[in-house]
N, C-alpha and C. Protein backbone atom coordinates (compact mmCIF):
# COMPACT_ATOMS: atom_id res chain seq x y z
N MET A 1 42.89 -89.45 16.16
CA MET A 1 42.84 -88.81 14.87
C MET A 1 41.42 -89.29 14.33
N SER A 2 40.83 -88.28 13.80
CA SER A 2 39.32 -88.62 13.20
C SER A 2 39.47 -88.86 11.59
N THR A 3 38.83 -89.88 11.14
CA THR A 3 39.05 -90.17 9.77
C THR A 3 37.68 -89.69 9.08
N GLY A 4 36.58 -89.14 9.79
CA GLY A 4 35.34 -88.76 9.18
C GLY A 4 35.50 -87.50 8.55
N ALA A 5 34.68 -87.07 7.57
CA ALA A 5 34.54 -85.77 7.18
C ALA A 5 33.85 -84.75 8.21
N ARG A 6 34.36 -83.68 8.28
CA ARG A 6 33.73 -82.60 9.12
C ARG A 6 32.39 -82.21 8.62
N PRO A 7 31.36 -81.97 9.57
CA PRO A 7 30.06 -81.46 8.98
C PRO A 7 30.36 -80.08 8.61
N PRO A 8 29.42 -79.51 7.64
CA PRO A 8 29.73 -78.16 7.08
C PRO A 8 29.36 -77.16 8.35
N LEU A 9 30.22 -76.01 8.08
CA LEU A 9 29.92 -74.81 9.09
C LEU A 9 28.63 -74.21 8.59
N ARG A 10 27.59 -74.14 9.61
CA ARG A 10 26.33 -73.57 9.25
C ARG A 10 26.49 -72.09 9.35
N VAL A 11 26.09 -71.31 8.47
CA VAL A 11 26.01 -69.84 8.47
C VAL A 11 24.75 -69.21 8.18
N GLY A 12 24.53 -67.91 8.56
CA GLY A 12 23.35 -67.12 8.23
C GLY A 12 23.87 -65.86 7.86
N VAL A 13 23.08 -65.13 6.93
CA VAL A 13 23.43 -63.88 6.53
C VAL A 13 22.51 -62.85 6.95
N LEU A 14 23.09 -61.85 7.59
CA LEU A 14 22.22 -60.68 7.82
C LEU A 14 22.16 -59.49 6.89
N GLY A 15 20.97 -59.23 6.30
CA GLY A 15 21.01 -58.33 5.24
C GLY A 15 20.97 -59.01 3.81
N THR A 16 19.84 -58.71 3.25
CA THR A 16 19.75 -59.45 1.81
C THR A 16 19.50 -58.35 0.87
N GLY A 17 20.19 -57.10 0.98
CA GLY A 17 20.33 -56.26 -0.15
C GLY A 17 21.15 -56.67 -1.25
N ARG A 18 21.63 -55.86 -2.03
CA ARG A 18 22.46 -56.35 -3.23
C ARG A 18 23.59 -57.10 -2.91
N ILE A 19 24.48 -56.50 -1.98
CA ILE A 19 25.63 -57.32 -1.48
C ILE A 19 25.42 -58.47 -0.61
N GLY A 20 24.42 -58.31 0.24
CA GLY A 20 24.07 -59.30 1.15
C GLY A 20 23.58 -60.71 0.23
N SER A 21 22.77 -60.39 -0.69
CA SER A 21 22.21 -61.49 -1.43
C SER A 21 23.33 -62.20 -2.20
N MET A 22 24.32 -61.37 -2.66
CA MET A 22 25.48 -61.98 -3.34
C MET A 22 26.17 -62.68 -2.47
N HIS A 23 26.49 -62.26 -1.25
CA HIS A 23 27.24 -63.13 -0.22
C HIS A 23 26.43 -64.53 -0.04
N ALA A 24 25.20 -64.32 0.32
CA ALA A 24 24.33 -65.44 0.46
C ALA A 24 24.43 -66.48 -0.54
N GLU A 25 24.43 -66.02 -1.86
CA GLU A 25 24.34 -67.02 -2.96
C GLU A 25 25.80 -67.53 -2.91
N LEU A 26 26.85 -66.86 -2.79
CA LEU A 26 28.21 -67.51 -2.77
C LEU A 26 28.23 -68.56 -1.75
N LEU A 27 27.83 -68.24 -0.58
CA LEU A 27 27.94 -69.03 0.57
C LEU A 27 27.24 -70.44 0.37
N ALA A 28 26.05 -70.26 -0.35
CA ALA A 28 25.05 -71.39 -0.56
C ALA A 28 25.46 -72.20 -1.73
N GLN A 29 26.26 -71.68 -2.69
CA GLN A 29 26.53 -72.57 -3.89
C GLN A 29 27.93 -72.65 -4.19
N ARG A 30 28.81 -71.89 -3.57
CA ARG A 30 30.23 -72.08 -4.10
C ARG A 30 31.36 -72.15 -3.14
N VAL A 31 30.98 -72.09 -1.66
CA VAL A 31 31.96 -72.16 -0.77
C VAL A 31 31.98 -73.60 -0.15
N ASP A 32 33.09 -74.42 -0.40
CA ASP A 32 32.91 -75.71 0.13
C ASP A 32 33.14 -75.79 1.64
N GLY A 33 32.33 -76.62 2.24
CA GLY A 33 32.37 -76.77 3.86
C GLY A 33 31.52 -75.81 4.53
N VAL A 34 30.76 -75.05 3.75
CA VAL A 34 29.69 -74.17 4.30
C VAL A 34 28.26 -74.51 3.93
N ALA A 35 27.49 -74.40 4.80
CA ALA A 35 26.05 -74.51 4.70
C ALA A 35 25.31 -73.44 4.97
N LEU A 36 24.63 -72.66 3.98
CA LEU A 36 23.67 -71.66 4.46
C LEU A 36 22.47 -72.05 4.91
N THR A 37 22.17 -71.51 6.09
CA THR A 37 21.02 -72.15 6.63
C THR A 37 19.72 -71.05 6.83
N ALA A 38 20.16 -69.72 6.85
CA ALA A 38 19.01 -68.81 6.85
C ALA A 38 19.55 -67.50 6.60
N VAL A 39 18.68 -66.69 6.13
CA VAL A 39 18.84 -65.23 5.90
C VAL A 39 17.88 -64.37 6.73
N TYR A 40 18.34 -63.05 7.01
CA TYR A 40 17.51 -62.21 7.75
C TYR A 40 17.56 -60.86 7.05
N ASP A 41 16.59 -60.03 7.02
CA ASP A 41 16.48 -58.64 6.60
C ASP A 41 15.42 -58.03 7.17
N ALA A 42 15.51 -56.65 7.77
CA ALA A 42 14.44 -55.97 8.22
C ALA A 42 13.31 -55.89 7.17
N ASP A 43 13.63 -55.86 5.90
CA ASP A 43 12.55 -55.90 4.82
C ASP A 43 12.24 -57.51 4.67
N THR A 44 11.12 -57.93 5.33
CA THR A 44 10.82 -59.31 5.21
C THR A 44 10.63 -59.79 3.88
N ASP A 45 10.06 -59.04 2.96
CA ASP A 45 9.85 -59.39 1.59
C ASP A 45 11.12 -59.71 0.86
N ALA A 46 12.20 -58.92 1.12
CA ALA A 46 13.54 -59.27 0.52
C ALA A 46 14.15 -60.25 0.96
N ALA A 47 14.04 -60.55 2.39
CA ALA A 47 14.60 -61.83 2.93
C ALA A 47 13.86 -62.97 2.43
N ASN A 48 12.42 -63.00 2.32
CA ASN A 48 11.67 -64.21 1.73
C ASN A 48 12.08 -64.40 0.25
N ARG A 49 12.30 -63.46 -0.50
CA ARG A 49 12.70 -63.63 -1.94
C ARG A 49 13.99 -64.42 -2.09
N VAL A 50 15.09 -63.97 -1.22
CA VAL A 50 16.32 -64.55 -1.28
C VAL A 50 16.38 -65.99 -0.80
N ALA A 51 15.58 -66.05 0.40
CA ALA A 51 15.50 -67.41 0.98
C ALA A 51 14.94 -68.37 0.11
N GLU A 52 13.99 -67.98 -0.47
CA GLU A 52 13.25 -68.91 -1.44
C GLU A 52 14.03 -69.25 -2.53
N ARG A 53 14.74 -68.18 -3.12
CA ARG A 53 15.61 -68.55 -4.09
C ARG A 53 16.73 -69.48 -3.89
N LEU A 54 17.37 -69.52 -2.68
CA LEU A 54 18.47 -70.26 -2.21
C LEU A 54 18.03 -71.38 -1.51
N GLY A 55 16.71 -71.70 -1.18
CA GLY A 55 16.35 -72.85 -0.50
C GLY A 55 16.61 -72.94 0.89
N VAL A 56 16.54 -71.84 1.43
CA VAL A 56 16.91 -71.72 3.03
C VAL A 56 15.67 -70.98 3.66
N SER A 57 15.78 -70.79 5.03
CA SER A 57 14.92 -70.25 5.78
C SER A 57 15.10 -68.68 5.87
N ALA A 58 14.00 -67.95 6.08
CA ALA A 58 14.09 -66.52 6.26
C ALA A 58 13.81 -66.31 7.79
N ALA A 59 14.77 -66.06 8.55
CA ALA A 59 14.59 -65.85 10.01
C ALA A 59 13.90 -64.53 10.29
N ALA A 60 13.03 -64.66 11.47
CA ALA A 60 12.18 -63.60 11.87
C ALA A 60 13.05 -62.39 12.52
N SER A 61 14.16 -62.75 13.05
CA SER A 61 15.03 -61.74 13.67
C SER A 61 16.52 -62.16 13.56
N PRO A 62 17.32 -61.24 13.87
CA PRO A 62 18.75 -61.50 13.82
C PRO A 62 19.10 -62.54 14.88
N GLU A 63 18.55 -62.49 15.93
CA GLU A 63 18.75 -63.48 17.14
C GLU A 63 18.47 -64.89 16.64
N GLU A 64 17.41 -65.08 15.90
CA GLU A 64 17.15 -66.43 15.40
C GLU A 64 18.11 -67.06 14.59
N ILE A 65 18.97 -66.16 13.97
CA ILE A 65 20.14 -66.82 13.26
C ILE A 65 21.27 -67.17 14.20
């Protein structure tokens, strides 16, 4: 039986439009046990804005996530 805490589940979000950015924000700030690590969007400017706001990486491709 392990007595240590589990590391957070690392997740990425594909799509940083209105709904995707809302999901990313919730995952980054309000879901216990989850660590948002990256976001991706075909619109790199949108991905960069969301990534910067949330303090995560903007992935260059979906495969990178």
